[in-house]
N, C-alpha and C. Protein backbone atom coordinates (compact mmCIF):
# COMPACT_ATOMS: atom_id res chain seq x y z
N MET A 1 0.85 -1.17 0.00
CA MET A 1 0.00 0.00 0.00
C MET A 1 0.90 1.24 0.00
N ALA A 2 0.65 2.13 -0.90
CA ALA A 2 1.49 3.30 -1.06
C ALA A 2 1.17 4.38 -0.04
N GLY A 3 2.19 5.06 0.37
CA GLY A 3 2.03 6.24 1.22
C GLY A 3 2.44 7.46 0.43
N CYS A 4 2.30 8.63 1.02
CA CYS A 4 2.62 9.85 0.28
C CYS A 4 4.08 9.90 -0.14
N HIS A 5 4.96 9.23 0.60
CA HIS A 5 6.37 9.24 0.22
C HIS A 5 6.64 8.43 -1.05
N ASP A 6 5.65 7.62 -1.49
CA ASP A 6 5.78 6.85 -2.73
C ASP A 6 5.22 7.60 -3.93
N MET A 7 4.46 8.67 -3.68
CA MET A 7 3.79 9.38 -4.76
C MET A 7 4.75 10.36 -5.42
N LYS A 8 4.82 10.29 -6.75
CA LYS A 8 5.76 11.10 -7.50
C LYS A 8 5.02 12.25 -8.20
N VAL A 9 5.70 13.38 -8.33
CA VAL A 9 5.13 14.55 -9.00
C VAL A 9 4.68 14.15 -10.41
N GLY A 10 3.46 14.55 -10.76
CA GLY A 10 2.90 14.26 -12.07
C GLY A 10 1.99 13.04 -12.09
N GLU A 11 2.08 12.18 -11.09
CA GLU A 11 1.21 11.01 -11.04
C GLU A 11 -0.21 11.42 -10.65
N VAL A 12 -1.17 10.59 -11.03
CA VAL A 12 -2.56 10.79 -10.66
C VAL A 12 -2.99 9.58 -9.84
N TRP A 13 -3.56 9.85 -8.67
CA TRP A 13 -4.05 8.80 -7.77
C TRP A 13 -5.56 8.91 -7.72
N VAL A 14 -6.23 7.76 -7.65
CA VAL A 14 -7.69 7.74 -7.77
C VAL A 14 -8.31 6.88 -6.66
N CYS A 15 -9.50 7.30 -6.23
CA CYS A 15 -10.28 6.52 -5.28
C CYS A 15 -10.96 5.39 -6.04
N PRO A 16 -10.80 4.14 -5.60
CA PRO A 16 -11.41 3.03 -6.32
C PRO A 16 -12.94 3.00 -6.23
N ASP A 17 -13.52 3.72 -5.28
CA ASP A 17 -14.98 3.72 -5.14
C ASP A 17 -15.65 4.87 -5.88
N CYS A 18 -15.31 6.10 -5.55
CA CYS A 18 -16.03 7.25 -6.10
C CYS A 18 -15.35 7.86 -7.32
N GLY A 19 -14.10 7.53 -7.57
CA GLY A 19 -13.40 8.04 -8.74
C GLY A 19 -12.70 9.37 -8.55
N LEU A 20 -12.73 9.92 -7.33
CA LEU A 20 -12.01 11.17 -7.06
C LEU A 20 -10.55 10.99 -7.48
N GLU A 21 -10.03 11.97 -8.21
CA GLU A 21 -8.64 11.91 -8.67
C GLU A 21 -7.83 13.05 -8.07
N LEU A 22 -6.61 12.73 -7.67
CA LEU A 22 -5.68 13.73 -7.14
C LEU A 22 -4.39 13.65 -7.94
N LYS A 23 -3.95 14.81 -8.44
CA LYS A 23 -2.68 14.88 -9.16
C LYS A 23 -1.62 15.39 -8.21
N VAL A 24 -0.48 14.71 -8.17
CA VAL A 24 0.61 15.10 -7.29
C VAL A 24 1.34 16.28 -7.94
N VAL A 25 1.34 17.42 -7.25
CA VAL A 25 2.01 18.62 -7.77
C VAL A 25 3.25 18.98 -6.96
N ALA A 26 3.41 18.38 -5.79
CA ALA A 26 4.60 18.59 -4.96
C ALA A 26 4.89 17.30 -4.22
N GLY A 27 6.16 16.95 -4.14
CA GLY A 27 6.55 15.72 -3.48
C GLY A 27 6.55 15.83 -1.96
N CYS A 28 6.36 14.69 -1.32
CA CYS A 28 6.42 14.60 0.13
C CYS A 28 7.85 14.84 0.60
N HIS A 29 8.01 15.52 1.72
CA HIS A 29 9.37 15.77 2.22
C HIS A 29 10.04 14.49 2.70
N ASP A 30 9.27 13.40 2.83
CA ASP A 30 9.84 12.10 3.20
C ASP A 30 10.13 11.22 1.98
N ALA A 31 9.97 11.76 0.78
CA ALA A 31 10.18 10.98 -0.45
C ALA A 31 11.59 10.40 -0.46
N GLY A 32 11.67 9.13 -0.83
CA GLY A 32 12.95 8.46 -0.93
C GLY A 32 13.41 7.81 0.36
N LYS A 33 12.79 8.13 1.48
CA LYS A 33 13.15 7.51 2.76
C LYS A 33 12.43 6.17 2.87
N PRO A 34 12.99 5.24 3.65
CA PRO A 34 12.27 3.98 3.88
C PRO A 34 10.93 4.25 4.56
N GLU A 35 9.93 3.41 4.25
CA GLU A 35 8.60 3.59 4.81
C GLU A 35 8.63 3.64 6.34
N SER A 36 9.53 2.89 6.94
CA SER A 36 9.61 2.86 8.41
C SER A 36 10.08 4.20 8.98
N ASP A 37 10.75 5.03 8.17
CA ASP A 37 11.22 6.33 8.62
C ASP A 37 10.23 7.45 8.35
N CYS A 38 9.14 7.14 7.63
CA CYS A 38 8.16 8.15 7.27
C CYS A 38 7.38 8.58 8.50
N GLU A 39 7.25 9.88 8.69
CA GLU A 39 6.52 10.39 9.86
C GLU A 39 5.02 10.28 9.70
N HIS A 40 4.55 10.04 8.48
CA HIS A 40 3.11 9.90 8.22
C HIS A 40 2.69 8.45 8.40
N LYS A 41 1.45 8.26 8.72
CA LYS A 41 0.90 6.91 8.82
C LYS A 41 0.48 6.46 7.43
N THR A 42 0.77 5.22 7.10
CA THR A 42 0.42 4.68 5.79
C THR A 42 -0.88 3.91 5.90
N PRO A 43 -1.86 4.04 5.05
CA PRO A 43 -1.89 5.03 3.97
C PRO A 43 -2.30 6.38 4.52
N CYS A 44 -1.63 7.40 4.08
CA CYS A 44 -1.93 8.73 4.62
C CYS A 44 -3.05 9.42 3.85
N LEU A 45 -3.35 8.95 2.65
CA LEU A 45 -4.45 9.53 1.87
C LEU A 45 -5.48 8.44 1.59
N VAL A 46 -6.67 8.63 2.13
CA VAL A 46 -7.76 7.68 1.90
C VAL A 46 -9.01 8.43 1.46
N CYS A 47 -9.89 7.75 0.77
CA CYS A 47 -11.17 8.28 0.34
C CYS A 47 -12.15 7.12 0.39
N CYS A 48 -13.34 7.35 0.87
CA CYS A 48 -14.35 6.30 0.99
C CYS A 48 -13.81 5.12 1.81
N ASP A 49 -12.97 5.45 2.80
CA ASP A 49 -12.35 4.45 3.69
C ASP A 49 -11.44 3.47 2.97
N LYS A 50 -10.94 3.84 1.79
CA LYS A 50 -10.02 3.00 1.04
C LYS A 50 -8.81 3.80 0.60
N PRO A 51 -7.64 3.16 0.52
CA PRO A 51 -6.46 3.89 0.06
C PRO A 51 -6.58 4.23 -1.43
N LEU A 52 -5.99 5.35 -1.81
CA LEU A 52 -5.96 5.73 -3.21
C LEU A 52 -5.05 4.79 -3.98
N ALA A 53 -5.34 4.62 -5.26
CA ALA A 53 -4.54 3.76 -6.13
C ALA A 53 -3.98 4.59 -7.27
N LEU A 54 -2.80 4.23 -7.73
CA LEU A 54 -2.18 4.92 -8.86
C LEU A 54 -3.03 4.69 -10.10
N LYS A 55 -3.40 5.77 -10.78
CA LYS A 55 -4.22 5.66 -11.99
C LYS A 55 -3.38 5.10 -13.13
N LYS A 56 -3.92 4.10 -13.79
CA LYS A 56 -3.21 3.50 -14.92
C LYS A 56 -3.32 4.39 -16.12
N LYS A 57 -2.21 4.52 -16.84
CA LYS A 57 -2.20 5.33 -18.05
C LYS A 57 -2.84 4.53 -19.17
N ARG A 58 -3.56 5.24 -20.03
CA ARG A 58 -4.24 4.57 -21.15
C ARG A 58 -3.40 4.62 -22.39
């Protein structure tokens, strides 16, 4: 399950239930650190009680 430190600028993440989409415009300050060192709880971004998923490119 991805956390904000896994999200890269330019990616689009989507809620699997309602379809809400979020585009990453700035990287997390914990990017590149091991998940165990991340100060945020994983998953840090949820919608409809489910973690966001990386949107597949068409």
